[in-house]
Amino acid sequence: MKTLRFVLPGVAVLVTLLLLPPPTTHAAQTGPAKGKSVPSARLRLMIDHTLASIVPFPNAKPAANRAALTEAQAEWTALAQTAPAAQQPTYTAAANLVQMLLAAEAEHDKAIADYHYSKKVHGPQDRQDLEISNAGEHSGTAFANNAKQNKENADNHKALLQKEEFMNKGAIDQWKVRTEQLRTLIEQAYTQELVTEKQMVMARVTTPTPAPAPPHPKSEPSAAEAYSPVGTWTAPKGQWTLSDDGNFTTPLGAKGTWHWSDPGKRELALKWADGGDGKGLFATDGKSLEITLPKGGKATLTR
């Protein structure tokens, strides 16, 4: 006589999931994460839905949130690799927890299938064995004692039903134990995920916002930027004129050209048409210009 073929996967399946190392991360260290900052609220709904769906059979149905779990796992697995470094442990824990929920639902679906398969095979086989046994007894006596045989048949049928009920109850009780094991593992993983979230939030609060860089001090404009030497200047011997085309004339009628030799130092270079070089030092207020003549003499021009 065949026995019940109901086999539950061991606790090691989910324990292994808990011990898996976090995904290898080559994450960008800057930029905000694209998904929700903390996944615990969504996880709580997923956990409650899953735990409610893996109730003991025979009336249980396969869970209907498989697609939502798969989508969330893909989202958080990606964030575990692309979020800022301080956020990656939270998304890794969330993705691992969703994997546990998917594994729990898959284990429950298999248990249901094994349960129904066992009933389908076990029941007909025992009934066939019972019919063969009864037929052997009837062949020799030609139904000599129908009352006795009917009672024996009824007793055998009752024993068969009791056996089926016992084995089915054992399978259901076994799954009740397994359900509590799964619940404990899942809640422990959720607690760990909450710890990583708390650490992530605290890191955000305690990390000071970098102070803005002080503005660069505005440098004072040079004399060349603030003023121009172009114009008429008064000198002891008459007027000098510096034109904007780079030419100059002196009170004595001499002519030449001028240009800025070092605007930062307010220095001009002068070249006389009949030969000889000089220079000019422009005041910071633009009101005086000290000329060094080719032969070394000086003239102070004002305006």
C-alpha atoms as a PDB file:
ATOM      1  CA  MET A   1       0.000   0.000   0.000  1.00  0.00           C
ATOM      2  CA  LYS A   2       1.388   3.385  -1.017  1.00  0.00           C
ATOM      3  CA  THR A   3       2.177   5.996   1.560  1.00  0.00           C
ATOM      4  CA  LEU A   4       1.672   9.758   1.455  1.00  0.00           C
ATOM      5  CA  ARG A   5       4.263  11.488  -0.726  1.00  0.00           C
ATOM      6  CA  PHE A   6       4.139  14.907   0.928  1.00  0.00           C
ATOM      7  CA  VAL A   7       7.587  16.389   1.222  1.00  0.00           C
ATOM      8  CA  LEU A   8       8.227  19.896   2.569  1.00  0.00           C
ATOM      9  CA  PRO A   9      11.429  21.722   1.633  1.00  0.00           C
ATOM     10  CA  GLY A  10      13.680  22.301   4.598  1.00  0.00           C
ATOM     11  CA  VAL A  11      14.259  25.458   6.492  1.00  0.00           C
ATOM     12  CA  ALA A  12      17.675  25.593   4.869  1.00  0.00           C
ATOM     13  CA  VAL A  13      16.212  27.089   1.672  1.00  0.00           C
ATOM     14  CA  LEU A  14      15.273  30.376   3.312  1.00  0.00           C
ATOM     15  CA  VAL A  15      18.206  30.357   5.707  1.00  0.00           C
ATOM     16  CA  THR A  16      20.475  30.211   2.662  1.00  0.00           C
ATOM     17  CA  LEU A  17      18.700  33.231   1.230  1.00  0.00           C
ATOM     18  CA  LEU A  18      19.312  35.142   4.454  1.00  0.00           C
ATOM     19  CA  LEU A  19      23.013  34.322   4.333  1.00  0.00           C
ATOM     20  CA  LEU A  20      23.497  35.351   0.718  1.00  0.00           C
ATOM     21  CA  PRO A  21      26.055  38.167   0.401  1.00  0.00           C
ATOM     22  CA  PRO A  22      24.761  41.507  -0.833  1.00  0.00           C
ATOM     23  CA  PRO A  23      24.978  42.162  -4.564  1.00  0.00           C
ATOM     24  CA  THR A  24      28.311  43.358  -5.872  1.00  0.00           C
ATOM     25  CA  THR A  25      28.083  47.105  -6.058  1.00  0.00           C
ATOM     26  CA  HIS A  26      29.815  49.430  -8.440  1.00  0.00           C
ATOM     27  CA  ALA A  27      27.498  52.278  -7.607  1.00  0.00           C
ATOM     28  CA  ALA A  28      27.721  55.905  -8.411  1.00  0.00           C
ATOM     29  CA  GLN A  29      28.541  57.743  -5.229  1.00  0.00           C
ATOM     30  CA  THR A  30      26.595  60.848  -6.046  1.00  0.00           C
ATOM     31  CA  GLY A  31      23.047  61.670  -7.103  1.00  0.00           C
ATOM     32  CA  PRO A  32      19.738  60.782  -5.455  1.00  0.00           C
ATOM     33  CA  ALA A  33      18.195  57.360  -5.796  1.00  0.00           C
ATOM     34  CA  LYS A  34      15.440  57.177  -8.368  1.00  0.00           C
ATOM     35  CA  GLY A  35      13.077  55.002  -6.313  1.00  0.00           C
ATOM     36  CA  LYS A  36      11.462  55.523  -2.935  1.00  0.00           C
ATOM     37  CA  SER A  37      13.940  56.535  -0.269  1.00  0.00           C
ATOM     38  CA  VAL A  38      12.733  53.901   2.234  1.00  0.00           C
ATOM     39  CA  PRO A  39      11.009  50.660   1.152  1.00  0.00           C
ATOM     40  CA  SER A  40       9.721  49.487   4.550  1.00  0.00           C
ATOM     41  CA  ALA A  41       6.115  50.664   4.028  1.00  0.00           C
ATOM     42  CA  ARG A  42       5.768  48.731   0.772  1.00  0.00           C
ATOM     43  CA  LEU A  43       7.512  45.735   2.308  1.00  0.00           C
ATOM     44  CA  ARG A  44       5.057  45.622   5.203  1.00  0.00           C
ATOM     45  CA  LEU A  45       2.100  45.348   2.806  1.00  0.00           C
ATOM     46  CA  MET A  46       3.861  42.635   0.791  1.00  0.00           C
ATOM     47  CA  ILE A  47       4.709  40.668   3.932  1.00  0.00           C
ATOM     48  CA  ASP A  48       1.145  40.817   5.272  1.00  0.00           C
ATOM     49  CA  HIS A  49      -0.270  39.739   1.912  1.00  0.00           C
ATOM     50  CA  THR A  50       2.155  36.839   1.573  1.00  0.00           C
ATOM     51  CA  LEU A  51       1.696  35.547   5.124  1.00  0.00           C
ATOM     52  CA  ALA A  52      -2.083  35.658   4.653  1.00  0.00           C
ATOM     53  CA  SER A  53      -1.828  33.700   1.400  1.00  0.00           C
ATOM     54  CA  ILE A  54       0.312  30.793   2.672  1.00  0.00           C
ATOM     55  CA  VAL A  55      -2.319  29.606   5.173  1.00  0.00           C
ATOM     56  CA  PRO A  56      -2.705  25.838   5.623  1.00  0.00           C
ATOM     57  CA  PHE A  57      -4.441  24.040   2.796  1.00  0.00           C
ATOM     58  CA  PRO A  58      -6.615  22.347   1.442  1.00  0.00           C
ATOM     59  CA  ASN A  59      -8.564  25.565   0.923  1.00  0.00           C
ATOM     60  CA  ALA A  60      -5.542  27.821   0.272  1.00  0.00           C
ATOM     61  CA  LYS A  61      -5.024  29.291  -3.168  1.00  0.00           C
ATOM     62  CA  PRO A  62      -1.792  30.339  -4.893  1.00  0.00           C
ATOM     63  CA  ALA A  63      -0.722  33.877  -3.981  1.00  0.00           C
ATOM     64  CA  ALA A  64      -1.812  36.599  -6.381  1.00  0.00           C
ATOM     65  CA  ASN A  65       0.961  39.138  -5.709  1.00  0.00           C
ATOM     66  CA  ARG A  66       3.789  37.351  -7.526  1.00  0.00           C
ATOM     67  CA  ALA A  67       4.078  40.034 -10.201  1.00  0.00           C
ATOM     68  CA  ALA A  68       4.254  42.869  -7.642  1.00  0.00           C
ATOM     69  CA  LEU A  69       6.968  41.047  -5.696  1.00  0.00           C
ATOM     70  CA  THR A  70       9.006  40.385  -8.826  1.00  0.00           C
ATOM     71  CA  GLU A  71       8.787  44.033  -9.890  1.00  0.00           C
ATOM     72  CA  ALA A  72       9.800  45.314  -6.442  1.00  0.00           C
ATOM     73  CA  GLN A  73      12.723  42.914  -6.273  1.00  0.00           C
ATOM     74  CA  ALA A  74      14.029  44.106  -9.650  1.00  0.00           C
ATOM     75  CA  GLU A  75      13.665  47.757  -8.600  1.00  0.00           C
ATOM     76  CA  TRP A  76      15.477  47.351  -5.269  1.00  0.00           C
ATOM     77  CA  THR A  77      18.190  45.120  -6.721  1.00  0.00           C
ATOM     78  CA  ALA A  78      18.984  47.873  -9.220  1.00  0.00           C
ATOM     79  CA  LEU A  79      19.007  50.539  -6.501  1.00  0.00           C
ATOM     80  CA  ALA A  80      21.322  48.384  -4.390  1.00  0.00           C
ATOM     81  CA  GLN A  81      23.892  48.936  -7.137  1.00  0.00           C
ATOM     82  CA  THR A  82      23.139  52.498  -8.261  1.00  0.00           C
ATOM     83  CA  ALA A  83      22.031  54.382  -5.133  1.00  0.00           C
ATOM     84  CA  PRO A  84      24.489  56.415  -3.044  1.00  0.00           C
ATOM     85  CA  ALA A  85      26.723  54.191  -0.912  1.00  0.00           C
ATOM     86  CA  ALA A  86      24.897  55.036   2.341  1.00  0.00           C
ATOM     87  CA  GLN A  87      21.590  53.805   0.868  1.00  0.00           C
ATOM     88  CA  GLN A  88      22.774  50.577  -0.750  1.00  0.00           C
ATOM     89  CA  PRO A  89      22.482  48.323   2.368  1.00  0.00           C
ATOM     90  CA  THR A  90      18.801  49.281   2.742  1.00  0.00           C
ATOM     91  CA  TYR A  91      17.946  48.338  -0.836  1.00  0.00           C
ATOM     92  CA  THR A  92      20.006  45.148  -0.602  1.00  0.00           C
ATOM     93  CA  ALA A  93      18.084  44.093   2.521  1.00  0.00           C
ATOM     94  CA  ALA A  94      14.763  44.938   0.839  1.00  0.00           C
ATOM     95  CA  ALA A  95      15.600  42.926  -2.284  1.00  0.00           C
ATOM     96  CA  ASN A  96      16.674  39.908  -0.189  1.00  0.00           C
ATOM     97  CA  LEU A  97      13.461  40.080   1.832  1.00  0.00           C
ATOM     98  CA  VAL A  98      11.322  40.094  -1.323  1.00  0.00           C
ATOM     99  CA  GLN A  99      13.257  37.047  -2.512  1.00  0.00           C
ATOM    100  CA  MET A 100      12.277  35.313   0.731  1.00  0.00           C
ATOM    101  CA  LEU A 101       8.605  36.150   0.113  1.00  0.00           C
ATOM    102  CA  LEU A 102       8.801  34.744  -3.406  1.00  0.00           C
ATOM    103  CA  ALA A 103      10.464  31.574  -2.088  1.00  0.00           C
ATOM    104  CA  ALA A 104       7.793  31.188   0.617  1.00  0.00           C
ATOM    105  CA  GLU A 105       4.997  31.469  -1.932  1.00  0.00           C
ATOM    106  CA  ALA A 106       6.724  28.999  -4.256  1.00  0.00           C
ATOM    107  CA  GLU A 107       7.148  26.543  -1.379  1.00  0.00           C
ATOM    108  CA  HIS A 108       3.482  26.915  -0.459  1.00  0.00           C
ATOM    109  CA  ASP A 109       2.351  26.323  -4.044  1.00  0.00           C
ATOM    110  CA  LYS A 110       4.442  23.158  -4.211  1.00  0.00           C
ATOM    111  CA  ALA A 111       3.047  21.929  -0.913  1.00  0.00           C
ATOM    112  CA  ILE A 112      -0.500  22.382  -2.219  1.00  0.00           C
ATOM    113  CA  ALA A 113       0.354  20.501  -5.404  1.00  0.00           C
ATOM    114  CA  ASP A 114       1.971  17.647  -3.431  1.00  0.00           C
ATOM    115  CA  TYR A 115      -1.051  17.482  -1.139  1.00  0.00           C
ATOM    116  CA  HIS A 116      -3.558  17.167  -3.971  1.00  0.00           C
ATOM    117  CA  TYR A 117      -1.354  14.724  -5.861  1.00  0.00           C
ATOM    118  CA  SER A 118      -1.078  12.510  -2.787  1.00  0.00           C
ATOM    119  CA  LYS A 119      -4.856  12.424  -2.345  1.00  0.00           C
ATOM    120  CA  LYS A 120      -5.366  11.695  -6.017  1.00  0.00           C
ATOM    121  CA  VAL A 121      -2.962   8.736  -6.008  1.00  0.00           C
ATOM    122  CA  HIS A 122      -3.377   7.425  -2.491  1.00  0.00           C
ATOM    123  CA  GLY A 123      -7.192   7.310  -2.340  1.00  0.00           C
ATOM    124  CA  PRO A 124      -7.889   5.345  -5.559  1.00  0.00           C
ATOM    125  CA  GLN A 125      -5.023   2.925  -4.882  1.00  0.00           C
ATOM    126  CA  ASP A 126      -6.282   2.020  -1.384  1.00  0.00           C
ATOM    127  CA  ARG A 127      -9.819   1.602  -2.731  1.00  0.00           C
ATOM    128  CA  GLN A 128      -8.524  -0.699  -5.491  1.00  0.00           C
ATOM    129  CA  ASP A 129      -6.637  -2.778  -2.902  1.00  0.00           C
ATOM    130  CA  LEU A 130      -9.829  -3.007  -0.862  1.00  0.00           C
ATOM    131  CA  GLU A 131     -11.870  -4.217  -3.856  1.00  0.00           C
ATOM    132  CA  ILE A 132      -9.269  -6.862  -4.715  1.00  0.00           C
ATOM    133  CA  SER A 133      -9.281  -8.106  -1.126  1.00  0.00           C
ATOM    134  CA  ASN A 134     -13.076  -8.290  -1.003  1.00  0.00           C
ATOM    135  CA  ALA A 135     -13.254 -10.069  -4.332  1.00  0.00           C
ATOM    136  CA  GLY A 136     -10.856 -12.742  -3.087  1.00  0.00           C
ATOM    137  CA  GLU A 137     -13.013 -13.379  -0.081  1.00  0.00           C
ATOM    138  CA  HIS A 138     -16.234 -13.564  -2.156  1.00  0.00           C
ATOM    139  CA  SER A 139     -14.845 -16.001  -4.717  1.00  0.00           C
ATOM    140  CA  GLY A 140     -14.724 -18.933  -2.271  1.00  0.00           C
ATOM    141  CA  THR A 141     -17.975 -18.559  -0.483  1.00  0.00           C
ATOM    142  CA  ALA A 142     -20.203 -17.251  -3.277  1.00  0.00           C
ATOM    143  CA  PHE A 143     -21.643 -14.588  -0.978  1.00  0.00           C
ATOM    144  CA  ALA A 144     -22.658 -17.175   1.615  1.00  0.00           C
ATOM    145  CA  ASN A 145     -22.808 -14.707   4.362  1.00  0.00           C
ATOM    146  CA  ASN A 146     -23.738 -11.287   2.896  1.00  0.00           C
ATOM    147  CA  ALA A 147     -24.375  -9.664   6.258  1.00  0.00           C
ATOM    148  CA  LYS A 148     -20.932 -10.518   7.530  1.00  0.00           C
ATOM    149  CA  GLN A 149     -19.267  -9.414   4.320  1.00  0.00           C
ATOM    150  CA  ASN A 150     -21.188  -6.160   4.184  1.00  0.00           C
ATOM    151  CA  LYS A 151     -20.072  -5.370   7.712  1.00  0.00           C
ATOM    152  CA  GLU A 152     -16.488  -6.167   6.859  1.00  0.00           C
ATOM    153  CA  ASN A 153     -16.693  -3.964   3.776  1.00  0.00           C
ATOM    154  CA  ALA A 154     -18.141  -1.115   5.799  1.00  0.00           C
ATOM    155  CA  ASP A 155     -15.437  -1.506   8.438  1.00  0.00           C
ATOM    156  CA  ASN A 156     -12.724  -1.522   5.804  1.00  0.00           C
ATOM    157  CA  HIS A 157     -14.175   1.566   4.114  1.00  0.00           C
ATOM    158  CA  LYS A 158     -14.360   3.353   7.436  1.00  0.00           C
ATOM    159  CA  ALA A 159     -10.756   2.437   8.206  1.00  0.00           C
ATOM    160  CA  LEU A 160      -9.741   3.740   4.773  1.00  0.00           C
ATOM    161  CA  LEU A 161     -11.449   7.070   5.373  1.00  0.00           C
ATOM    162  CA  GLN A 162      -9.865   7.317   8.810  1.00  0.00           C
ATOM    163  CA  LYS A 163      -6.447   6.655   7.295  1.00  0.00           C
ATOM    164  CA  GLU A 164      -6.943   9.321   4.641  1.00  0.00           C
ATOM    165  CA  GLU A 165      -8.146  11.787   7.253  1.00  0.00           C
ATOM    166  CA  PHE A 166      -5.169  11.009   9.488  1.00  0.00           C
ATOM    167  CA  MET A 167      -2.622  11.450   6.713  1.00  0.00           C
ATOM    168  CA  ASN A 168      -4.267  14.612   5.404  1.00  0.00           C
ATOM    169  CA  LYS A 169      -4.409  16.059   8.902  1.00  0.00           C
ATOM    170  CA  GLY A 170      -0.727  15.245   9.326  1.00  0.00           C
ATOM    171  CA  ALA A 171       0.147  17.103   6.147  1.00  0.00           C
ATOM    172  CA  ILE A 172      -1.914  20.119   7.195  1.00  0.00           C
ATOM    173  CA  ASP A 173      -0.397  20.152  10.691  1.00  0.00           C
ATOM    174  CA  GLN A 174       3.075  19.883   9.196  1.00  0.00           C
ATOM    175  CA  TRP A 175       2.413  22.913   7.010  1.00  0.00           C
ATOM    176  CA  LYS A 176       1.131  24.860  10.024  1.00  0.00           C
ATOM    177  CA  VAL A 177       4.512  24.329  11.665  1.00  0.00           C
ATOM    178  CA  ARG A 178       6.296  25.324   8.474  1.00  0.00           C
ATOM    179  CA  THR A 179       4.154  28.465   8.193  1.00  0.00           C
ATOM    180  CA  GLU A 180       5.313  29.629  11.620  1.00  0.00           C
ATOM    181  CA  GLN A 181       8.918  28.969  10.651  1.00  0.00           C
ATOM    182  CA  LEU A 182       8.514  31.080   7.526  1.00  0.00           C
ATOM    183  CA  ARG A 183       6.769  33.834   9.466  1.00  0.00           C
ATOM    184  CA  THR A 184       9.634  33.998  11.965  1.00  0.00           C
ATOM    185  CA  LEU A 185      12.324  34.137   9.273  1.00  0.00           C
ATOM    186  CA  ILE A 186      10.471  36.808   7.302  1.00  0.00           C
ATOM    187  CA  GLU A 187       9.828  39.015  10.336  1.00  0.00           C
ATOM    188  CA  GLN A 188      13.471  38.738  11.383  1.00  0.00           C
ATOM    189  CA  ALA A 189      14.562  39.849   7.911  1.00  0.00           C
ATOM    190  CA  TYR A 190      12.097  42.745   8.042  1.00  0.00           C
ATOM    191  CA  THR A 191      13.506  43.867  11.382  1.00  0.00           C
ATOM    192  CA  GLN A 192      16.995  43.866   9.896  1.00  0.00           C
ATOM    193  CA  GLU A 193      15.764  45.932   6.954  1.00  0.00           C
ATOM    194  CA  LEU A 194      14.292  48.481   9.380  1.00  0.00           C
ATOM    195  CA  VAL A 195      17.671  48.731  11.113  1.00  0.00           C
ATOM    196  CA  THR A 196      19.393  49.582   7.826  1.00  0.00           C
ATOM    197  CA  GLU A 197      16.722  52.198   7.084  1.00  0.00           C
ATOM    198  CA  LYS A 198      17.215  53.829  10.478  1.00  0.00           C
ATOM    199  CA  GLN A 199      20.958  53.961   9.928  1.00  0.00           C
ATOM    200  CA  MET A 200      20.435  55.497   6.491  1.00  0.00           C
ATOM    201  CA  VAL A 201      18.084  58.201   7.824  1.00  0.00           C
ATOM    202  CA  MET A 202      20.412  59.006  10.721  1.00  0.00           C
ATOM    203  CA  ALA A 203      23.325  59.346   8.315  1.00  0.00           C
ATOM    204  CA  ARG A 204      21.327  61.883   6.342  1.00  0.00           C
ATOM    205  CA  VAL A 205      20.511  63.895   9.455  1.00  0.00           C
ATOM    206  CA  THR A 206      24.025  63.890  10.915  1.00  0.00           C
ATOM    207  CA  THR A 207      25.841  64.643   7.684  1.00  0.00           C
ATOM    208  CA  PRO A 208      26.196  68.429   7.582  1.00  0.00           C
ATOM    209  CA  THR A 209      25.381  70.213   4.394  1.00  0.00           C
ATOM    210  CA  PRO A 210      28.600  71.613   2.936  1.00  0.00           C
ATOM    211  CA  ALA A 211      28.831  75.353   3.437  1.00  0.00           C
ATOM    212  CA  PRO A 212      28.785  77.336   0.225  1.00  0.00           C
ATOM    213  CA  ALA A 213      32.177  78.505  -0.939  1.00  0.00           C
ATOM    214  CA  PRO A 214      32.859  82.119  -0.019  1.00  0.00           C
ATOM    215  CA  PRO A 215      32.580  84.480  -2.960  1.00  0.00           C
ATOM    216  CA  HIS A 216      35.814  85.534  -4.514  1.00  0.00           C
ATOM    217  CA  PRO A 217      36.725  89.029  -3.400  1.00  0.00           C
ATOM    218  CA  LYS A 218      36.141  91.465  -6.132  1.00  0.00           C
ATOM    219  CA  SER A 219      39.434  92.961  -7.171  1.00  0.00           C
ATOM    220  CA  GLU A 220      39.753  96.655  -7.595  1.00  0.00           C
ATOM    221  CA  PRO A 221      39.734  97.685 -11.243  1.00  0.00           C
ATOM    222  CA  SER A 222      43.080  98.747 -12.636  1.00  0.00           C
ATOM    223  CA  ALA A 223      43.669 102.313 -13.724  1.00  0.00           C
ATOM    224  CA  ALA A 224      43.463 101.104 -17.302  1.00  0.00           C
ATOM    225  CA  GLU A 225      39.966  99.666 -16.573  1.00  0.00           C
ATOM    226  CA  ALA A 226      38.692 102.559 -14.457  1.00  0.00           C
ATOM    227  CA  TYR A 227      40.272 105.511 -16.275  1.00  0.00           C
ATOM    228  CA  SER A 228      41.859 106.392 -19.574  1.00  0.00           C
ATOM    229  CA  PRO A 229      44.870 108.623 -20.150  1.00  0.00           C
ATOM    230  CA  VAL A 230      43.262 109.891 -23.317  1.00  0.00           C
ATOM    231  CA  GLY A 231      42.640 113.620 -23.192  1.00  0.00           C
ATOM    232  CA  THR A 232      44.344 116.935 -22.449  1.00  0.00           C
ATOM    233  CA  TRP A 233      46.831 117.204 -19.573  1.00  0.00           C
ATOM    234  CA  THR A 234      48.249 120.325 -17.945  1.00  0.00           C
ATOM    235  CA  ALA A 235      52.020 120.558 -17.510  1.00  0.00           C
ATOM    236  CA  PRO A 236      54.327 123.379 -16.245  1.00  0.00           C
ATOM    237  CA  LYS A 237      55.336 124.229 -19.832  1.00  0.00           C
ATOM    238  CA  GLY A 238      51.926 123.797 -21.451  1.00  0.00           C
ATOM    239  CA  GLN A 239      49.508 121.049 -22.421  1.00  0.00           C
ATOM    240  CA  TRP A 240      50.070 117.470 -23.423  1.00  0.00           C
ATOM    241  CA  THR A 241      47.494 115.628 -25.502  1.00  0.00           C
ATOM    242  CA  LEU A 242      47.069 111.861 -25.631  1.00  0.00           C
ATOM    243  CA  SER A 243      44.646 110.711 -28.301  1.00  0.00           C
ATOM    244  CA  ASP A 244      42.727 107.466 -28.430  1.00  0.00           C
ATOM    245  CA  ASP A 245      44.514 106.440 -31.635  1.00  0.00           C
ATOM    246  CA  GLY A 246      47.731 106.008 -29.634  1.00  0.00           C
ATOM    247  CA  ASN A 247      49.416 109.310 -30.534  1.00  0.00           C
ATOM    248  CA  PHE A 248      50.584 112.132 -28.289  1.00  0.00           C
ATOM    249  CA  THR A 249      51.872 115.702 -28.597  1.00  0.00           C
ATOM    250  CA  THR A 250      53.897 117.802 -26.126  1.00  0.00           C
ATOM    251  CA  PRO A 251      53.758 121.544 -25.357  1.00  0.00           C
ATOM    252  CA  LEU A 252      56.893 122.015 -27.461  1.00  0.00           C
ATOM    253  CA  GLY A 253      55.294 120.372 -30.502  1.00  0.00           C
ATOM    254  CA  ALA A 254      57.060 117.025 -30.223  1.00  0.00           C
ATOM    255  CA  LYS A 255      55.017 114.008 -31.273  1.00  0.00           C
ATOM    256  CA  GLY A 256      55.054 110.291 -30.683  1.00  0.00           C
ATOM    257  CA  THR A 257      53.020 107.219 -29.845  1.00  0.00           C
ATOM    258  CA  TRP A 258      51.892 105.675 -26.561  1.00  0.00           C
ATOM    259  CA  HIS A 259      50.456 102.342 -25.346  1.00  0.00           C
ATOM    260  CA  TRP A 260      49.927 100.452 -22.095  1.00  0.00           C
ATOM    261  CA  SER A 261      53.089  98.529 -21.244  1.00  0.00           C
ATOM    262  CA  ASP A 262      51.723  97.070 -17.955  1.00  0.00           C
ATOM    263  CA  PRO A 263      48.101  97.972 -17.147  1.00  0.00           C
ATOM    264  CA  GLY A 264      48.274  96.248 -13.755  1.00  0.00           C
ATOM    265  CA  LYS A 265      51.110  98.553 -12.698  1.00  0.00           C
ATOM    266  CA  ARG A 266      49.522 101.536 -14.453  1.00  0.00           C
ATOM    267  CA  GLU A 267      52.556 101.921 -16.711  1.00  0.00           C
ATOM    268  CA  LEU A 268      52.537 103.408 -20.211  1.00  0.00           C
ATOM    269  CA  ALA A 269      55.298 103.277 -22.847  1.00  0.00           C
ATOM    270  CA  LEU A 270      55.981 106.403 -24.927  1.00  0.00           C
ATOM    271  CA  LYS A 271      58.071 106.634 -28.092  1.00  0.00           C
ATOM    272  CA  TRP A 272      59.036 110.011 -29.594  1.00  0.00           C
ATOM    273  CA  ALA A 273      58.864 110.359 -33.357  1.00  0.00           C
ATOM    274  CA  ASP A 274      62.338 111.936 -33.568  1.00  0.00           C
ATOM    275  CA  GLY A 275      63.829 109.190 -31.448  1.00  0.00           C
ATOM    276  CA  GLY A 276      63.906 108.363 -27.797  1.00  0.00           C
ATOM    277  CA  ASP A 277      61.753 106.337 -25.452  1.00  0.00           C
ATOM    278  CA  GLY A 278      59.989 107.341 -22.276  1.00  0.00           C
ATOM    279  CA  LYS A 279      57.339 106.051 -19.992  1.00  0.00           C
ATOM    280  CA  GLY A 280      54.359 107.205 -17.971  1.00  0.00           C
ATOM    281  CA  LEU A 281      52.996 106.268 -14.545  1.00  0.00           C
ATOM    282  CA  PHE A 282      49.231 106.723 -14.341  1.00  0.00           C
ATOM    283  CA  ALA A 283      47.726 107.580 -10.923  1.00  0.00           C
ATOM    284  CA  THR A 284      45.122 105.239  -9.416  1.00  0.00           C
ATOM    285  CA  ASP A 285      42.583 108.072  -9.383  1.00  0.00           C
ATOM    286  CA  GLY A 286      43.256 108.943 -13.003  1.00  0.00           C
ATOM    287  CA  LYS A 287      44.055 112.571 -12.178  1.00  0.00           C
ATOM    288  CA  SER A 288      47.798 112.650 -12.705  1.00  0.00           C
ATOM    289  CA  LEU A 289      50.308 111.176 -15.097  1.00  0.00           C
ATOM    290  CA  GLU A 290      54.050 111.291 -14.341  1.00  0.00           C
ATOM    291  CA  ILE A 291      56.141 111.266 -17.516  1.00  0.00           C
ATOM    292  CA  THR A 292      59.757 110.114 -17.643  1.00  0.00           C
ATOM    293  CA  LEU A 293      61.435 111.826 -20.596  1.00  0.00           C
ATOM    294  CA  PRO A 294      63.968 110.125 -22.882  1.00  0.00           C
ATOM    295  CA  LYS A 295      66.891 111.963 -21.282  1.00  0.00           C
ATOM    296  CA  GLY A 296      65.744 111.104 -17.749  1.00  0.00           C
ATOM    297  CA  GLY A 297      63.863 114.227 -16.816  1.00  0.00           C
ATOM    298  CA  LYS A 298      60.349 114.012 -15.391  1.00  0.00           C
ATOM    299  CA  ALA A 299      57.155 115.961 -15.943  1.00  0.00           C
ATOM    300  CA  THR A 300      54.015 115.663 -13.862  1.00  0.00           C
ATOM    301  CA  LEU A 301      50.789 116.098 -15.849  1.00  0.00           C
ATOM    302  CA  THR A 302      47.441 116.785 -14.177  1.00  0.00           C
ATOM    303  CA  ARG A 303      43.850 117.258 -15.239  1.00  0.00           C
END
